[in-house]
């Protein structure tokens, strides 16, 4: 089948700005995007630069953006891409910020790797330097990891994250947070509280996730970083790491609202979270009220089965916030 590839090209040493080169290729129906990039480089234009290594979806090197979606070039069939996007496939680097592009599809991932290192992505435990057997755990305890150990650090989730793309340079990102959960969920790790204290920090940790869930869609290994971030929220409370601030009060506000009404009271949630600082949201509150988005306290309906909902909350709630 004939497919047109529009490939992002930019060499900072010679180019003032990026441009796209177009290549019409005849590709087999069993080909993947990496096959097309290889064909361009080996047969048409040897100056094209991109990363690749294992070709088996293990190393994560060949992560690129395809028609706006972050994918692994070696695991994305061209036939499926054409069915989804049409016969013109646009290939770009994970980030198009000029200061990050080294050349063409190759970007500087220092920010990504620095944050990966910051969460100490390795088991921390006192172990025998000369063990006589493996440090095994039962399959049921392995299941608690929920495939978080499948992460190949490709960066697909990190560079699709709305918090990162929005310019929050301190936020650890979905990959580093999912990696944190991989060890906080491992019973062999002895640094659980230390890890949770790090990701509990405002500005860098779990509370700055905007819940766009883009990381779920693009992860090529099915790690689902968003769910791991949610688990970290729970662990922060369960381990007594949570402290009173606008983020944790916001989480508590959800529980408070559901316990009272069985449904979410969006207006009171902000008041519960921010206290007197809620006045800064007055213009938005007025706009929401006029559109019926929020209601006055005495107008709030009650959910059916509220008694059962309250019992479930009482059974499951096991923490209190620290000052």
C-alpha atoms as a PDB file:
ATOM      1  CA  UNK A   1       0.000   0.000   0.000  1.00  0.00           C
ATOM      2  CA  UNK A   2       1.159   3.535  -0.775  1.00  0.00           C
ATOM      3  CA  UNK A   3       1.409   5.815   2.261  1.00  0.00           C
ATOM      4  CA  UNK A   4       2.555   9.428   2.497  1.00  0.00           C
ATOM      5  CA  UNK A   5       4.769  10.274   5.454  1.00  0.00           C
ATOM      6  CA  UNK A   6       5.231  13.892   6.492  1.00  0.00           C
ATOM      7  CA  UNK A   7       8.298  13.839   8.724  1.00  0.00           C
ATOM      8  CA  UNK A   8       9.353  16.624  11.065  1.00  0.00           C
ATOM      9  CA  UNK A   9      12.846  17.874  10.229  1.00  0.00           C
ATOM     10  CA  UNK A  10      14.953  20.291  12.238  1.00  0.00           C
ATOM     11  CA  UNK A  11      18.706  20.586  12.560  1.00  0.00           C
ATOM     12  CA  UNK A  12      19.473  23.464  14.967  1.00  0.00           C
ATOM     13  CA  UNK A  13      22.954  23.805  13.459  1.00  0.00           C
ATOM     14  CA  UNK A  14      21.600  24.780  10.036  1.00  0.00           C
ATOM     15  CA  UNK A  15      17.840  25.409  10.213  1.00  0.00           C
ATOM     16  CA  UNK A  16      16.198  28.612  11.434  1.00  0.00           C
ATOM     17  CA  UNK A  17      12.927  26.795  11.994  1.00  0.00           C
ATOM     18  CA  UNK A  18      11.464  23.284  11.639  1.00  0.00           C
ATOM     19  CA  UNK A  19       9.917  22.014   8.419  1.00  0.00           C
ATOM     20  CA  UNK A  20       8.335  18.796   7.131  1.00  0.00           C
ATOM     21  CA  UNK A  21       9.693  16.563   4.389  1.00  0.00           C
ATOM     22  CA  UNK A  22       7.224  14.406   2.509  1.00  0.00           C
ATOM     23  CA  UNK A  23       7.917  10.825   1.431  1.00  0.00           C
ATOM     24  CA  UNK A  24       5.611   8.545  -0.538  1.00  0.00           C
ATOM     25  CA  UNK A  25       6.424   4.958   0.297  1.00  0.00           C
ATOM     26  CA  UNK A  26       5.147   1.584  -0.819  1.00  0.00           C
ATOM     27  CA  UNK A  27       4.836  -0.434   2.391  1.00  0.00           C
ATOM     28  CA  UNK A  28       3.717  -3.972   3.146  1.00  0.00           C
ATOM     29  CA  UNK A  29       0.582  -4.442   5.200  1.00  0.00           C
ATOM     30  CA  UNK A  30       2.577  -6.060   7.992  1.00  0.00           C
ATOM     31  CA  UNK A  31       4.998  -3.118   8.263  1.00  0.00           C
ATOM     32  CA  UNK A  32       5.296  -0.866  11.329  1.00  0.00           C
ATOM     33  CA  UNK A  33       6.152   2.838  11.493  1.00  0.00           C
ATOM     34  CA  UNK A  34       9.791   2.037  12.311  1.00  0.00           C
ATOM     35  CA  UNK A  35      10.048   0.125   9.021  1.00  0.00           C
ATOM     36  CA  UNK A  36       9.037   3.308   7.184  1.00  0.00           C
ATOM     37  CA  UNK A  37      11.593   5.424   9.060  1.00  0.00           C
ATOM     38  CA  UNK A  38      14.290   2.848   8.304  1.00  0.00           C
ATOM     39  CA  UNK A  39      13.330   2.836   4.626  1.00  0.00           C
ATOM     40  CA  UNK A  40      13.557   6.617   4.437  1.00  0.00           C
ATOM     41  CA  UNK A  41      16.968   6.666   6.123  1.00  0.00           C
ATOM     42  CA  UNK A  42      18.484   3.685   4.325  1.00  0.00           C
ATOM     43  CA  UNK A  43      17.084   4.249   0.833  1.00  0.00           C
ATOM     44  CA  UNK A  44      16.123   7.931   0.457  1.00  0.00           C
ATOM     45  CA  UNK A  45      17.657  10.334   2.977  1.00  0.00           C
ATOM     46  CA  UNK A  46      20.477   9.190   5.236  1.00  0.00           C
ATOM     47  CA  UNK A  47      20.417  12.461   7.177  1.00  0.00           C
ATOM     48  CA  UNK A  48      17.151  11.602   8.957  1.00  0.00           C
ATOM     49  CA  UNK A  49      17.763  11.140  12.691  1.00  0.00           C
ATOM     50  CA  UNK A  50      15.637   9.119  15.118  1.00  0.00           C
ATOM     51  CA  UNK A  51      16.223   6.746  18.011  1.00  0.00           C
ATOM     52  CA  UNK A  52      15.783   2.994  17.766  1.00  0.00           C
ATOM     53  CA  UNK A  53      17.235  -0.112  19.348  1.00  0.00           C
ATOM     54  CA  UNK A  54      15.426  -3.331  20.231  1.00  0.00           C
ATOM     55  CA  UNK A  55      12.521  -3.247  17.730  1.00  0.00           C
ATOM     56  CA  UNK A  56      10.447  -5.342  20.145  1.00  0.00           C
ATOM     57  CA  UNK A  57       8.701  -2.749  22.338  1.00  0.00           C
ATOM     58  CA  UNK A  58      11.110  -3.270  25.226  1.00  0.00           C
ATOM     59  CA  UNK A  59      13.676  -0.445  25.164  1.00  0.00           C
ATOM     60  CA  UNK A  60      11.293   2.488  24.565  1.00  0.00           C
ATOM     61  CA  UNK A  61      13.850   4.288  22.375  1.00  0.00           C
ATOM     62  CA  UNK A  62      11.674   4.760  19.290  1.00  0.00           C
ATOM     63  CA  UNK A  63       8.843   6.708  20.921  1.00  0.00           C
ATOM     64  CA  UNK A  64       7.530   9.381  18.533  1.00  0.00           C
ATOM     65  CA  UNK A  65       4.380  11.388  17.927  1.00  0.00           C
ATOM     66  CA  UNK A  66       2.149  10.038  15.144  1.00  0.00           C
ATOM     67  CA  UNK A  67      -0.630  12.369  13.994  1.00  0.00           C
ATOM     68  CA  UNK A  68      -0.602  13.927  17.443  1.00  0.00           C
ATOM     69  CA  UNK A  69      -0.538  10.698  19.452  1.00  0.00           C
ATOM     70  CA  UNK A  70       2.556   9.417  21.262  1.00  0.00           C
ATOM     71  CA  UNK A  71       3.405   5.863  20.183  1.00  0.00           C
ATOM     72  CA  UNK A  72       6.267   3.408  19.841  1.00  0.00           C
ATOM     73  CA  UNK A  73       7.322   3.348  16.187  1.00  0.00           C
ATOM     74  CA  UNK A  74       8.255  -0.337  16.430  1.00  0.00           C
ATOM     75  CA  UNK A  75       4.856  -1.415  17.798  1.00  0.00           C
ATOM     76  CA  UNK A  76       2.524   0.647  15.596  1.00  0.00           C
ATOM     77  CA  UNK A  77       1.349  -1.172  12.449  1.00  0.00           C
ATOM     78  CA  UNK A  78       1.109   1.131   9.432  1.00  0.00           C
ATOM     79  CA  UNK A  79      -2.130  -0.526   8.343  1.00  0.00           C
ATOM     80  CA  UNK A  80      -3.801   0.330  11.669  1.00  0.00           C
ATOM     81  CA  UNK A  81      -2.391   3.857  11.568  1.00  0.00           C
ATOM     82  CA  UNK A  82      -3.848   4.404   8.087  1.00  0.00           C
ATOM     83  CA  UNK A  83      -7.223   3.075   9.224  1.00  0.00           C
ATOM     84  CA  UNK A  84      -7.184   5.548  12.126  1.00  0.00           C
ATOM     85  CA  UNK A  85      -5.607   8.628  10.535  1.00  0.00           C
ATOM     86  CA  UNK A  86      -5.845   8.186   6.760  1.00  0.00           C
ATOM     87  CA  UNK A  87      -3.132   7.803   4.112  1.00  0.00           C
ATOM     88  CA  UNK A  88      -1.093  10.795   5.279  1.00  0.00           C
ATOM     89  CA  UNK A  89       0.869  10.013   8.443  1.00  0.00           C
ATOM     90  CA  UNK A  90       2.583  12.862  10.270  1.00  0.00           C
ATOM     91  CA  UNK A  91       5.670  11.811  12.231  1.00  0.00           C
ATOM     92  CA  UNK A  92       7.022  14.214  14.866  1.00  0.00           C
ATOM     93  CA  UNK A  93       9.241  14.124  17.975  1.00  0.00           C
ATOM     94  CA  UNK A  94       7.633  13.678  21.407  1.00  0.00           C
ATOM     95  CA  UNK A  95       8.237  17.378  22.049  1.00  0.00           C
ATOM     96  CA  UNK A  96       8.488  20.061  19.364  1.00  0.00           C
ATOM     97  CA  UNK A  97       9.939  22.743  21.648  1.00  0.00           C
ATOM     98  CA  UNK A  98      12.937  24.059  19.749  1.00  0.00           C
ATOM     99  CA  UNK A  99      15.162  23.991  22.798  1.00  0.00           C
ATOM    100  CA  UNK A 100      14.473  20.268  23.264  1.00  0.00           C
ATOM    101  CA  UNK A 101      14.958  19.048  19.690  1.00  0.00           C
ATOM    102  CA  UNK A 102      18.500  17.778  19.172  1.00  0.00           C
ATOM    103  CA  UNK A 103      17.841  16.796  15.552  1.00  0.00           C
ATOM    104  CA  UNK A 104      14.711  15.735  13.711  1.00  0.00           C
ATOM    105  CA  UNK A 105      12.897  13.144  15.866  1.00  0.00           C
ATOM    106  CA  UNK A 106      15.606  13.033  18.559  1.00  0.00           C
ATOM    107  CA  UNK A 107      14.934  15.141  21.650  1.00  0.00           C
ATOM    108  CA  UNK A 108      16.790  15.910  24.856  1.00  0.00           C
ATOM    109  CA  UNK A 109      15.012  13.860  27.563  1.00  0.00           C
ATOM    110  CA  UNK A 110      17.112  15.095  30.476  1.00  0.00           C
ATOM    111  CA  UNK A 111      14.054  16.444  32.327  1.00  0.00           C
ATOM    112  CA  UNK A 112      12.368  13.053  32.008  1.00  0.00           C
ATOM    113  CA  UNK A 113      15.389  11.078  33.216  1.00  0.00           C
ATOM    114  CA  UNK A 114      16.140  13.490  36.063  1.00  0.00           C
ATOM    115  CA  UNK A 115      12.634  12.997  37.443  1.00  0.00           C
ATOM    116  CA  UNK A 116      12.860   9.239  36.980  1.00  0.00           C
ATOM    117  CA  UNK A 117      16.081   9.287  39.044  1.00  0.00           C
ATOM    118  CA  UNK A 118      14.551  11.548  41.693  1.00  0.00           C
ATOM    119  CA  UNK A 119      12.037   8.883  42.780  1.00  0.00           C
ATOM    120  CA  UNK A 120      14.859   6.334  43.262  1.00  0.00           C
ATOM    121  CA  UNK A 121      13.535   3.689  40.850  1.00  0.00           C
ATOM    122  CA  UNK A 122      15.101   0.722  42.572  1.00  0.00           C
ATOM    123  CA  UNK A 123      14.391  -1.493  45.566  1.00  0.00           C
ATOM    124  CA  UNK A 124      15.608  -0.031  48.863  1.00  0.00           C
ATOM    125  CA  UNK A 125      16.125  -2.710  51.507  1.00  0.00           C
ATOM    126  CA  UNK A 126      18.689  -4.178  53.864  1.00  0.00           C
ATOM    127  CA  UNK A 127      19.649  -7.451  52.264  1.00  0.00           C
ATOM    128  CA  UNK A 128      22.357 -10.049  52.660  1.00  0.00           C
ATOM    129  CA  UNK A 129      25.292  -9.186  50.421  1.00  0.00           C
ATOM    130  CA  UNK A 130      25.747 -12.873  49.701  1.00  0.00           C
ATOM    131  CA  UNK A 131      22.231 -14.353  49.605  1.00  0.00           C
ATOM    132  CA  UNK A 132      21.760 -18.079  49.319  1.00  0.00           C
ATOM    133  CA  UNK A 133      18.350 -17.744  47.647  1.00  0.00           C
ATOM    134  CA  UNK A 134      16.243 -15.275  45.688  1.00  0.00           C
ATOM    135  CA  UNK A 135      14.136 -12.676  47.528  1.00  0.00           C
ATOM    136  CA  UNK A 136      10.820 -14.040  46.321  1.00  0.00           C
ATOM    137  CA  UNK A 137       7.281 -13.014  47.231  1.00  0.00           C
ATOM    138  CA  UNK A 138       4.006 -14.887  46.629  1.00  0.00           C
ATOM    139  CA  UNK A 139       2.129 -14.291  43.345  1.00  0.00           C
ATOM    140  CA  UNK A 140      -0.721 -12.543  45.217  1.00  0.00           C
ATOM    141  CA  UNK A 141       1.703  -9.897  46.458  1.00  0.00           C
ATOM    142  CA  UNK A 142       3.158  -9.501  42.976  1.00  0.00           C
ATOM    143  CA  UNK A 143      -0.367  -8.791  41.728  1.00  0.00           C
ATOM    144  CA  UNK A 144      -0.442  -5.710  43.982  1.00  0.00           C
ATOM    145  CA  UNK A 145       2.012  -4.058  41.590  1.00  0.00           C
ATOM    146  CA  UNK A 146      -0.745  -4.051  38.941  1.00  0.00           C
ATOM    147  CA  UNK A 147       1.774  -4.261  36.076  1.00  0.00           C
ATOM    148  CA  UNK A 148       3.588  -1.081  37.194  1.00  0.00           C
ATOM    149  CA  UNK A 149       6.829  -3.001  36.651  1.00  0.00           C
ATOM    150  CA  UNK A 150       6.039  -3.221  32.910  1.00  0.00           C
ATOM    151  CA  UNK A 151       7.069   0.430  32.404  1.00  0.00           C
ATOM    152  CA  UNK A 152       9.850   0.759  29.806  1.00  0.00           C
ATOM    153  CA  UNK A 153      10.457   4.497  30.406  1.00  0.00           C
ATOM    154  CA  UNK A 154       9.650   5.406  26.798  1.00  0.00           C
ATOM    155  CA  UNK A 155       8.330   8.839  27.759  1.00  0.00           C
ATOM    156  CA  UNK A 156       5.027   8.551  25.859  1.00  0.00           C
ATOM    157  CA  UNK A 157       2.980   9.344  28.962  1.00  0.00           C
ATOM    158  CA  UNK A 158       5.322  12.085  30.196  1.00  0.00           C
ATOM    159  CA  UNK A 159       5.232  14.093  26.975  1.00  0.00           C
ATOM    160  CA  UNK A 160       1.454  13.785  26.602  1.00  0.00           C
ATOM    161  CA  UNK A 161       0.772  14.876  30.213  1.00  0.00           C
ATOM    162  CA  UNK A 162      -1.236  18.129  30.292  1.00  0.00           C
ATOM    163  CA  UNK A 163       0.519  19.297  33.468  1.00  0.00           C
ATOM    164  CA  UNK A 164       3.925  18.903  31.809  1.00  0.00           C
ATOM    165  CA  UNK A 165       2.747  20.425  28.536  1.00  0.00           C
ATOM    166  CA  UNK A 166       1.233  23.297  30.476  1.00  0.00           C
ATOM    167  CA  UNK A 167       4.680  24.322  31.660  1.00  0.00           C
ATOM    168  CA  UNK A 168       4.831  22.836  35.161  1.00  0.00           C
ATOM    169  CA  UNK A 169       8.519  21.972  35.003  1.00  0.00           C
ATOM    170  CA  UNK A 170       8.675  20.682  38.581  1.00  0.00           C
ATOM    171  CA  UNK A 171       5.888  18.076  38.302  1.00  0.00           C
ATOM    172  CA  UNK A 172       7.371  14.586  38.392  1.00  0.00           C
ATOM    173  CA  UNK A 173       5.046  13.320  35.701  1.00  0.00           C
ATOM    174  CA  UNK A 174       3.065  10.092  35.241  1.00  0.00           C
ATOM    175  CA  UNK A 175       6.045   7.840  34.541  1.00  0.00           C
ATOM    176  CA  UNK A 176       7.964   8.758  37.697  1.00  0.00           C
ATOM    177  CA  UNK A 177       4.805   8.534  39.808  1.00  0.00           C
ATOM    178  CA  UNK A 178       3.883   5.135  38.377  1.00  0.00           C
ATOM    179  CA  UNK A 179       7.453   4.035  39.065  1.00  0.00           C
ATOM    180  CA  UNK A 180       7.072   5.255  42.653  1.00  0.00           C
ATOM    181  CA  UNK A 181       3.961   3.088  43.059  1.00  0.00           C
ATOM    182  CA  UNK A 182       5.863   0.102  41.673  1.00  0.00           C
ATOM    183  CA  UNK A 183       7.996   0.222  44.845  1.00  0.00           C
ATOM    184  CA  UNK A 184       5.476   1.492  47.414  1.00  0.00           C
ATOM    185  CA  UNK A 185       3.351  -1.518  46.461  1.00  0.00           C
ATOM    186  CA  UNK A 186       6.294  -3.935  46.784  1.00  0.00           C
ATOM    187  CA  UNK A 187       6.382  -5.462  50.267  1.00  0.00           C
ATOM    188  CA  UNK A 188      10.144  -5.974  49.976  1.00  0.00           C
ATOM    189  CA  UNK A 189      10.826  -2.235  49.744  1.00  0.00           C
ATOM    190  CA  UNK A 190      11.683  -0.480  53.028  1.00  0.00           C
ATOM    191  CA  UNK A 191      11.414   3.151  51.873  1.00  0.00           C
ATOM    192  CA  UNK A 192       7.653   3.396  51.442  1.00  0.00           C
ATOM    193  CA  UNK A 193       7.156   6.392  53.747  1.00  0.00           C
ATOM    194  CA  UNK A 194      10.133   8.251  52.272  1.00  0.00           C
ATOM    195  CA  UNK A 195       8.747   7.740  48.784  1.00  0.00           C
ATOM    196  CA  UNK A 196       5.264   8.869  49.784  1.00  0.00           C
ATOM    197  CA  UNK A 197       6.608  11.989  51.466  1.00  0.00           C
ATOM    198  CA  UNK A 198       8.293  12.956  48.198  1.00  0.00           C
ATOM    199  CA  UNK A 199       5.230  12.511  45.999  1.00  0.00           C
ATOM    200  CA  UNK A 200       3.048  14.229  48.625  1.00  0.00           C
ATOM    201  CA  UNK A 201       4.889  17.531  48.077  1.00  0.00           C
ATOM    202  CA  UNK A 202       2.815  20.245  46.424  1.00  0.00           C
ATOM    203  CA  UNK A 203       4.180  21.342  43.073  1.00  0.00           C
ATOM    204  CA  UNK A 204       5.901  18.090  42.167  1.00  0.00           C
ATOM    205  CA  UNK A 205       3.748  15.193  43.321  1.00  0.00           C
ATOM    206  CA  UNK A 206       0.403  13.479  42.962  1.00  0.00           C
ATOM    207  CA  UNK A 207      -1.676  16.536  43.881  1.00  0.00           C
ATOM    208  CA  UNK A 208      -0.588  18.355  40.712  1.00  0.00           C
ATOM    209  CA  UNK A 209      -1.984  15.701  38.373  1.00  0.00           C
ATOM    210  CA  UNK A 210      -4.887  17.344  36.487  1.00  0.00           C
ATOM    211  CA  UNK A 211      -6.511  13.957  35.806  1.00  0.00           C
ATOM    212  CA  UNK A 212      -6.529  14.356  32.014  1.00  0.00           C
ATOM    213  CA  UNK A 213      -5.895  10.588  31.794  1.00  0.00           C
ATOM    214  CA  UNK A 214      -3.915  11.023  28.595  1.00  0.00           C
ATOM    215  CA  UNK A 215      -1.242   8.758  30.077  1.00  0.00           C
ATOM    216  CA  UNK A 216      -3.679   5.836  30.026  1.00  0.00           C
ATOM    217  CA  UNK A 217      -4.347   6.223  26.315  1.00  0.00           C
ATOM    218  CA  UNK A 218      -0.742   6.425  25.131  1.00  0.00           C
ATOM    219  CA  UNK A 219       1.052   3.906  27.375  1.00  0.00           C
ATOM    220  CA  UNK A 220       2.226   1.115  25.023  1.00  0.00           C
ATOM    221  CA  UNK A 221       2.573  -1.387  27.885  1.00  0.00           C
ATOM    222  CA  UNK A 222      -0.797  -0.903  29.589  1.00  0.00           C
ATOM    223  CA  UNK A 223       0.741   0.421  32.810  1.00  0.00           C
ATOM    224  CA  UNK A 224      -2.112   2.936  33.378  1.00  0.00           C
ATOM    225  CA  UNK A 225      -0.138   5.579  35.315  1.00  0.00           C
ATOM    226  CA  UNK A 226      -3.310   7.468  36.277  1.00  0.00           C
ATOM    227  CA  UNK A 227      -4.611   4.584  38.388  1.00  0.00           C
ATOM    228  CA  UNK A 228      -1.205   4.253  40.049  1.00  0.00           C
ATOM    229  CA  UNK A 229      -1.354   7.963  40.946  1.00  0.00           C
ATOM    230  CA  UNK A 230      -4.787   7.358  42.495  1.00  0.00           C
ATOM    231  CA  UNK A 231      -3.324   4.498  44.547  1.00  0.00           C
ATOM    232  CA  UNK A 232      -0.569   6.824  45.758  1.00  0.00           C
ATOM    233  CA  UNK A 233      -3.248   9.263  46.952  1.00  0.00           C
ATOM    234  CA  UNK A 234      -4.738   6.481  49.060  1.00  0.00           C
ATOM    235  CA  UNK A 235      -1.359   5.329  50.389  1.00  0.00           C
ATOM    236  CA  UNK A 236      -0.493   8.888  51.432  1.00  0.00           C
ATOM    237  CA  UNK A 237      -3.560   8.929  53.678  1.00  0.00           C
ATOM    238  CA  UNK A 238      -3.231   5.329  54.857  1.00  0.00           C
ATOM    239  CA  UNK A 239       0.400   5.780  55.927  1.00  0.00           C
ATOM    240  CA  UNK A 240      -0.301   9.025  57.794  1.00  0.00           C
ATOM    241  CA  UNK A 241       1.811  11.107  55.413  1.00  0.00           C
ATOM    242  CA  UNK A 242      -0.992  13.491  54.368  1.00  0.00           C
ATOM    243  CA  UNK A 243      -0.955  16.965  55.906  1.00  0.00           C
ATOM    244  CA  UNK A 244      -3.607  19.643  55.856  1.00  0.00           C
ATOM    245  CA  UNK A 245      -3.306  21.796  52.752  1.00  0.00           C
ATOM    246  CA  UNK A 246      -5.580  22.785  49.897  1.00  0.00           C
ATOM    247  CA  UNK A 247      -4.845  19.563  47.990  1.00  0.00           C
ATOM    248  CA  UNK A 248      -5.558  17.091  50.775  1.00  0.00           C
ATOM    249  CA  UNK A 249      -8.539  19.143  51.952  1.00  0.00           C
ATOM    250  CA  UNK A 250      -9.875  18.919  48.406  1.00  0.00           C
ATOM    251  CA  UNK A 251      -9.655  15.129  48.587  1.00  0.00           C
ATOM    252  CA  UNK A 252     -11.304  15.144  52.010  1.00  0.00           C
ATOM    253  CA  UNK A 253     -13.963  17.484  50.650  1.00  0.00           C
ATOM    254  CA  UNK A 254     -15.070  14.836  48.170  1.00  0.00           C
ATOM    255  CA  UNK A 255     -15.638  12.387  51.013  1.00  0.00           C
ATOM    256  CA  UNK A 256     -17.387  15.026  53.116  1.00  0.00           C
ATOM    257  CA  UNK A 257     -19.742  15.909  50.259  1.00  0.00           C
ATOM    258  CA  UNK A 258     -20.601  12.327  49.334  1.00  0.00           C
ATOM    259  CA  UNK A 259     -21.136  11.452  53.000  1.00  0.00           C
ATOM    260  CA  UNK A 260     -23.570  14.339  53.392  1.00  0.00           C
ATOM    261  CA  UNK A 261     -25.494  14.149  50.111  1.00  0.00           C
ATOM    262  CA  UNK A 262     -24.520  10.937  48.354  1.00  0.00           C
ATOM    263  CA  UNK A 263     -23.502  13.135  45.403  1.00  0.00           C
ATOM    264  CA  UNK A 264     -20.884  15.838  44.894  1.00  0.00           C
ATOM    265  CA  UNK A 265     -21.688  19.393  45.992  1.00  0.00           C
ATOM    266  CA  UNK A 266     -19.261  21.266  43.712  1.00  0.00           C
ATOM    267  CA  UNK A 267     -19.795  24.672  45.295  1.00  0.00           C
ATOM    268  CA  UNK A 268     -19.190  23.549  48.871  1.00  0.00           C
ATOM    269  CA  UNK A 269     -16.216  21.430  47.740  1.00  0.00           C
ATOM    270  CA  UNK A 270     -14.243  24.584  46.904  1.00  0.00           C
ATOM    271  CA  UNK A 271     -15.276  26.242  50.174  1.00  0.00           C
ATOM    272  CA  UNK A 272     -14.267  23.125  52.155  1.00  0.00           C
ATOM    273  CA  UNK A 273     -10.908  22.980  50.365  1.00  0.00           C
ATOM    274  CA  UNK A 274      -9.898  26.634  50.487  1.00  0.00           C
ATOM    275  CA  UNK A 275     -11.775  28.156  53.431  1.00  0.00           C
ATOM    276  CA  UNK A 276     -11.735  31.977  53.420  1.00  0.00           C
ATOM    277  CA  UNK A 277      -9.549  31.952  50.282  1.00  0.00           C
ATOM    278  CA  UNK A 278     -12.652  30.908  48.380  1.00  0.00           C
ATOM    279  CA  UNK A 279     -13.437  34.611  47.788  1.00  0.00           C
ATOM    280  CA  UNK A 280     -10.922  34.650  44.933  1.00  0.00           C
ATOM    281  CA  UNK A 281     -13.226  32.265  43.052  1.00  0.00           C
ATOM    282  CA  UNK A 282     -16.311  34.463  43.480  1.00  0.00           C
ATOM    283  CA  UNK A 283     -16.614  35.428  39.761  1.00  0.00           C
ATOM    284  CA  UNK A 284     -16.473  31.770  38.735  1.00  0.00           C
ATOM    285  CA  UNK A 285     -18.940  30.840  41.491  1.00  0.00           C
ATOM    286  CA  UNK A 286     -21.453  33.415  40.267  1.00  0.00           C
ATOM    287  CA  UNK A 287     -21.105  32.158  36.685  1.00  0.00           C
ATOM    288  CA  UNK A 288     -21.555  28.541  37.822  1.00  0.00           C
ATOM    289  CA  UNK A 289     -24.570  29.454  39.957  1.00  0.00           C
ATOM    290  CA  UNK A 290     -26.345  31.285  37.117  1.00  0.00           C
ATOM    291  CA  UNK A 291     -25.888  28.225  34.893  1.00  0.00           C
ATOM    292  CA  UNK A 292     -27.183  25.862  37.581  1.00  0.00           C
ATOM    293  CA  UNK A 293     -23.827  24.192  38.033  1.00  0.00           C
ATOM    294  CA  UNK A 294     -23.832  24.767  41.800  1.00  0.00           C
ATOM    295  CA  UNK A 295     -26.705  24.992  44.257  1.00  0.00           C
ATOM    296  CA  UNK A 296     -27.340  26.654  47.585  1.00  0.00           C
ATOM    297  CA  UNK A 297     -26.921  24.278  50.590  1.00  0.00           C
ATOM    298  CA  UNK A 298     -30.675  23.869  51.175  1.00  0.00           C
ATOM    299  CA  UNK A 299     -31.214  23.146  47.473  1.00  0.00           C
ATOM    300  CA  UNK A 300     -28.869  20.160  47.357  1.00  0.00           C
ATOM    301  CA  UNK A 301     -30.712  16.901  46.611  1.00  0.00           C
ATOM    302  CA  UNK A 302     -29.967  13.684  48.467  1.00  0.00           C
ATOM    303  CA  UNK A 303     -28.966  10.504  46.712  1.00  0.00           C
ATOM    304  CA  UNK A 304     -31.150   7.428  46.922  1.00  0.00           C
ATOM    305  CA  UNK A 305     -29.687   4.926  49.352  1.00  0.00           C
ATOM    306  CA  UNK A 306     -27.821   7.632  51.272  1.00  0.00           C
ATOM    307  CA  UNK A 307     -27.827   5.512  54.435  1.00  0.00           C
ATOM    308  CA  UNK A 308     -25.989   2.718  52.634  1.00  0.00           C
ATOM    309  CA  UNK A 309     -23.502   5.170  51.137  1.00  0.00           C
ATOM    310  CA  UNK A 310     -22.763   6.602  54.584  1.00  0.00           C
ATOM    311  CA  UNK A 311     -22.239   3.113  56.027  1.00  0.00           C
ATOM    312  CA  UNK A 312     -19.760   2.277  53.257  1.00  0.00           C
ATOM    313  CA  UNK A 313     -17.817   5.471  53.956  1.00  0.00           C
ATOM    314  CA  UNK A 314     -17.718   4.750  57.685  1.00  0.00           C
ATOM    315  CA  UNK A 315     -16.401   1.254  57.023  1.00  0.00           C
ATOM    316  CA  UNK A 316     -13.710   2.327  54.547  1.00  0.00           C
ATOM    317  CA  UNK A 317     -12.501   5.634  56.038  1.00  0.00           C
ATOM    318  CA  UNK A 318      -9.477   4.918  58.199  1.00  0.00           C
ATOM    319  CA  UNK A 319      -7.491   8.165  58.359  1.00  0.00           C
ATOM    320  CA  UNK A 320      -7.447  11.702  59.707  1.00  0.00           C
ATOM    321  CA  UNK A 321      -5.442  14.594  58.333  1.00  0.00           C
ATOM    322  CA  UNK A 322      -2.471  15.922  60.298  1.00  0.00           C
ATOM    323  CA  UNK A 323      -2.148  19.637  61.017  1.00  0.00           C
END
